[in-house]
Amino acid sequence: SPIAVDAVMKVIDPATATNVDLQDIKIVKKLGGTVEDTELIDGLVFTSKSSGAGGPNKIEKAKIGLIQFCISPPKTDMDNQVIVSDYTQMDRVLREERAYILDIVK
């Protein structure tokens, strides 16, 4: 199949390669369609839906970060409860959590 050959040629350097690591090529099967609908995608494919109605379906020249760890405020190891009696206190907690996450991302 020409698609299989094209996929191999995209992951190797033809001048120096003697073998191919097939772990670098992923085949994703979807229900429906025909063999003629098969296509080779150069890059990443995200199958999740966009968040929210009316969101963008396509973004060109997007900057995407692939993160392999949890981004969340730290949790205490003890069974503590935080009691918030005022909205301003809750706002302060949320601002500190947001600042913590932004610091991790930078």
Protein backbone atom coordinates (compact mmCIF):
# COMPACT_ATOMS: atom_id res chain seq x y z
CA SER A 1 0.00 0.00 0.00
CA PRO A 2 1.39 3.44 -0.86
CA ILE A 3 0.19 4.85 2.48
CA ALA A 4 2.29 2.30 4.41
CA VAL A 5 5.38 3.16 2.36
CA ASP A 6 4.77 6.90 2.82
CA ALA A 7 4.39 6.41 6.59
CA VAL A 8 7.71 4.54 6.80
CA MET A 9 9.50 7.13 4.69
CA LYS A 10 8.28 9.93 7.00
CA VAL A 11 9.79 8.36 10.14
CA ILE A 12 13.21 7.36 8.76
CA ASP A 13 16.15 9.02 7.09
CA PRO A 14 16.39 7.15 3.76
CA ALA A 15 20.11 7.88 3.41
CA THR A 16 21.17 6.23 6.68
CA ALA A 17 18.32 4.01 7.91
CA THR A 18 18.69 0.25 7.78
CA ASN A 19 15.56 -0.68 9.73
CA VAL A 20 12.31 0.90 10.93
CA ASP A 21 10.91 1.14 14.45
CA LEU A 22 7.22 0.48 13.86
CA GLN A 23 6.42 1.99 17.28
CA ASP A 24 6.85 5.37 15.55
CA ILE A 25 3.84 4.68 13.31
CA LYS A 26 0.36 4.41 14.76
CA ILE A 27 -2.67 3.09 12.94
CA VAL A 28 -6.00 4.39 14.23
CA LYS A 29 -9.10 2.54 13.13
CA LYS A 30 -12.43 4.37 13.01
CA LEU A 31 -15.87 2.93 12.38
CA GLY A 32 -17.49 3.70 9.07
CA GLY A 33 -15.97 4.81 5.81
CA THR A 34 -14.18 2.79 3.17
CA VAL A 35 -10.59 1.92 2.34
CA GLU A 36 -10.52 4.89 -0.02
CA ASP A 37 -11.23 7.18 2.96
CA THR A 38 -7.91 6.16 4.57
CA GLU A 39 -5.41 9.00 4.88
CA LEU A 40 -1.94 9.59 6.27
CA ILE A 41 -1.73 12.41 8.80
CA ASP A 42 1.65 14.06 9.30
CA GLY A 43 1.62 15.22 12.91
CA LEU A 44 -0.81 14.81 15.81
CA VAL A 45 -4.51 14.01 15.72
CA PHE A 46 -6.71 14.98 18.64
CA THR A 47 -9.95 13.02 18.74
CA SER A 48 -11.55 14.87 21.65
CA LYS A 49 -14.32 17.38 21.04
CA SER A 50 -13.77 21.11 21.43
CA SER A 51 -14.80 22.50 24.78
CA GLY A 52 -18.04 24.40 24.71
CA ALA A 53 -20.53 25.07 21.97
CA GLY A 54 -19.49 27.50 19.30
CA GLY A 55 -15.78 26.86 19.88
CA PRO A 56 -13.25 26.76 17.05
CA ASN A 57 -13.10 23.63 14.88
CA LYS A 58 -9.76 24.45 13.27
CA ILE A 59 -6.86 26.56 14.52
CA GLU A 60 -3.93 27.29 12.24
CA LYS A 61 -0.37 27.79 13.56
CA ALA A 62 -1.46 26.74 17.05
CA LYS A 63 1.10 26.36 19.81
CA ILE A 64 0.39 23.12 21.66
CA GLY A 65 2.10 21.84 24.79
CA LEU A 66 2.02 18.13 25.56
CA ILE A 67 2.12 17.72 29.32
CA GLN A 68 2.72 14.37 30.97
CA PHE A 69 2.01 15.30 34.57
CA CYS A 70 -0.94 16.52 36.55
CA ILE A 71 -1.37 20.28 36.74
CA SER A 72 -3.30 20.97 39.89
CA PRO A 73 -2.74 22.72 43.19
CA PRO A 74 -1.00 20.54 45.77
CA LYS A 75 -3.18 18.55 48.15
CA THR A 76 -2.31 18.03 51.78
CA ASP A 77 -1.52 14.53 53.03
CA MET A 78 -3.55 15.09 56.18
CA ASP A 79 -7.31 15.09 56.51
CA ASN A 80 -7.76 18.82 56.95
CA GLN A 81 -10.74 20.94 56.15
CA VAL A 82 -10.63 24.51 54.99
CA ILE A 83 -13.63 26.49 56.16
CA VAL A 84 -14.40 29.56 54.11
CA SER A 85 -16.83 31.91 55.79
CA ASP A 86 -16.52 34.79 53.38
CA TYR A 87 -16.51 35.11 49.59
CA THR A 88 -13.33 37.22 49.72
CA GLN A 89 -11.52 34.33 51.42
CA MET A 90 -12.67 31.95 48.70
CA ASP A 91 -11.56 34.43 46.05
CA ARG A 92 -8.12 34.61 47.69
CA VAL A 93 -7.82 30.79 47.71
CA LEU A 94 -8.78 30.61 44.02
CA ARG A 95 -6.28 33.37 43.09
CA GLU A 96 -3.47 31.55 44.92
CA GLU A 97 -4.32 28.26 43.19
CA ARG A 98 -4.38 30.02 39.80
CA ALA A 99 -1.01 31.68 40.51
CA TYR A 100 0.45 28.31 41.53
CA ILE A 101 -0.70 26.64 38.30
CA LEU A 102 0.56 29.53 36.15
CA ASP A 103 3.93 29.28 37.87
CA ILE A 104 4.11 25.56 37.01
CA VAL A 105 3.19 26.17 33.39
CA LYS A 106 5.79 28.92 32.88
